[in-house]
Amino acid sequence: MQNDNEKFKNEFKKRLYRWVLRLIKFIGKLPKDVTCEVIGKQLMRSGASILANYIEATASSSKKEFINFFTYCLKSANESKVWLVLLRDTNKRD
């Protein structure tokens, strides 16, 4: 039986995975113009990076390494937020 900490970690990883799947679908529905193509690629890189860096963090061999990878997750999340806000403010989303 898993303890609460392990349950949280597994659920968090699942949530990040679902985020990336939703992001892929969202980007696929963006209008096919230059602006959306550029922002979509940036958003895909930063958004998927959140999950990838979290997976690396959980496999880290030290607390310092974990913190470094988790920090990259947060930075990628902040970058993704910027791209999403730009799409919203330019009325480029569905």
Protein backbone atom coordinates (compact mmCIF):
# COMPACT_ATOMS: atom_id res chain seq x y z
CA MET A 1 0.00 0.00 0.00
CA GLN A 2 1.29 3.43 -0.94
CA ASN A 3 1.75 6.14 1.62
CA ASP A 4 0.30 9.61 1.07
CA ASN A 5 3.57 10.98 -0.30
CA GLU A 6 3.81 8.26 -2.96
CA LYS A 7 0.15 8.73 -3.88
CA PHE A 8 0.74 12.46 -4.30
CA LYS A 9 3.80 11.88 -6.50
CA ASN A 10 1.94 9.42 -8.73
CA GLU A 11 -1.11 11.65 -9.04
CA PHE A 12 1.07 14.67 -9.80
CA LYS A 13 2.87 12.79 -12.56
CA LYS A 14 -0.49 11.70 -14.03
CA ARG A 15 -1.74 15.29 -13.92
CA LEU A 16 1.36 16.50 -15.75
CA TYR A 17 0.92 13.78 -18.37
CA ARG A 18 -2.73 14.78 -18.90
CA TRP A 19 -1.60 18.44 -19.17
CA VAL A 20 0.75 17.55 -22.03
CA LEU A 21 -1.94 15.51 -23.81
CA ARG A 22 -4.41 18.40 -23.52
CA LEU A 23 -1.72 20.81 -24.69
CA ILE A 24 -1.03 18.72 -27.80
CA LYS A 25 -4.73 18.73 -28.66
CA PHE A 26 -5.01 22.47 -27.99
CA ILE A 27 -2.03 23.32 -30.18
CA GLY A 28 -3.40 21.11 -32.95
CA LYS A 29 -6.59 23.20 -32.99
CA LEU A 30 -4.85 26.57 -33.28
CA PRO A 31 -5.40 28.55 -36.49
CA LYS A 32 -2.87 27.71 -39.19
CA ASP A 33 -1.03 31.02 -39.46
CA VAL A 34 2.55 32.11 -38.83
CA THR A 35 1.89 33.57 -35.40
CA CYS A 36 0.19 30.45 -34.08
CA GLU A 37 2.81 28.21 -35.65
CA VAL A 38 5.65 30.03 -33.88
CA ILE A 39 3.87 30.38 -30.53
CA GLY A 40 2.53 26.83 -30.77
CA LYS A 41 6.02 25.40 -31.20
CA GLN A 42 7.32 27.43 -28.27
CA LEU A 43 4.36 26.38 -26.14
CA MET A 44 4.82 22.73 -27.06
CA ARG A 45 8.49 22.82 -26.07
CA SER A 46 7.94 24.59 -22.76
CA GLY A 47 4.77 22.67 -21.89
CA ALA A 48 6.20 19.22 -22.56
CA SER A 49 9.37 20.22 -20.75
CA ILE A 50 7.42 20.47 -17.51
CA LEU A 51 6.67 16.74 -17.58
CA ALA A 52 10.11 15.75 -18.87
CA ASN A 53 11.94 17.67 -16.17
CA TYR A 54 9.64 16.34 -13.46
CA ILE A 55 10.42 12.78 -14.57
CA GLU A 56 14.12 13.64 -14.40
CA ALA A 57 13.64 15.18 -10.96
CA THR A 58 12.02 12.03 -9.60
CA ALA A 59 14.95 9.97 -10.89
CA SER A 60 17.56 12.29 -9.41
CA SER A 61 20.31 10.95 -7.20
CA SER A 62 20.44 13.84 -4.74
CA LYS A 63 18.25 16.48 -3.19
CA LYS A 64 20.22 19.20 -4.98
CA GLU A 65 19.68 17.52 -8.35
CA PHE A 66 15.97 17.11 -7.59
CA ILE A 67 15.67 20.82 -6.74
CA ASN A 68 17.47 21.80 -9.96
CA PHE A 69 15.17 19.72 -12.18
CA PHE A 70 12.07 20.83 -10.29
CA THR A 71 13.19 24.45 -10.72
CA TYR A 72 13.34 23.82 -14.48
CA CYS A 73 9.76 22.52 -14.26
CA LEU A 74 8.64 25.77 -12.66
CA LYS A 75 10.50 27.87 -15.22
CA SER A 76 8.92 25.91 -18.06
CA ALA A 77 5.49 26.34 -16.48
CA ASN A 78 6.03 30.10 -16.27
CA GLU A 79 7.16 30.21 -19.90
CA SER A 80 4.10 28.20 -20.96
CA LYS A 81 1.91 30.68 -19.13
CA VAL A 82 3.43 33.53 -21.16
CA TRP A 83 2.68 31.77 -24.47
CA LEU A 84 -0.88 30.98 -23.40
CA VAL A 85 -1.50 34.59 -22.35
CA LEU A 86 -0.14 35.83 -25.67
CA LEU A 87 -2.50 33.51 -27.54
CA ARG A 88 -5.40 34.71 -25.40
CA ASP A 89 -4.58 38.39 -25.80
CA THR A 90 -4.14 38.15 -29.56
CA ASN A 91 -7.41 36.21 -29.90
CA LYS A 92 -5.57 33.33 -31.55
CA ARG A 93 -7.18 30.48 -29.63
CA ASP A 94 -10.43 28.69 -30.37
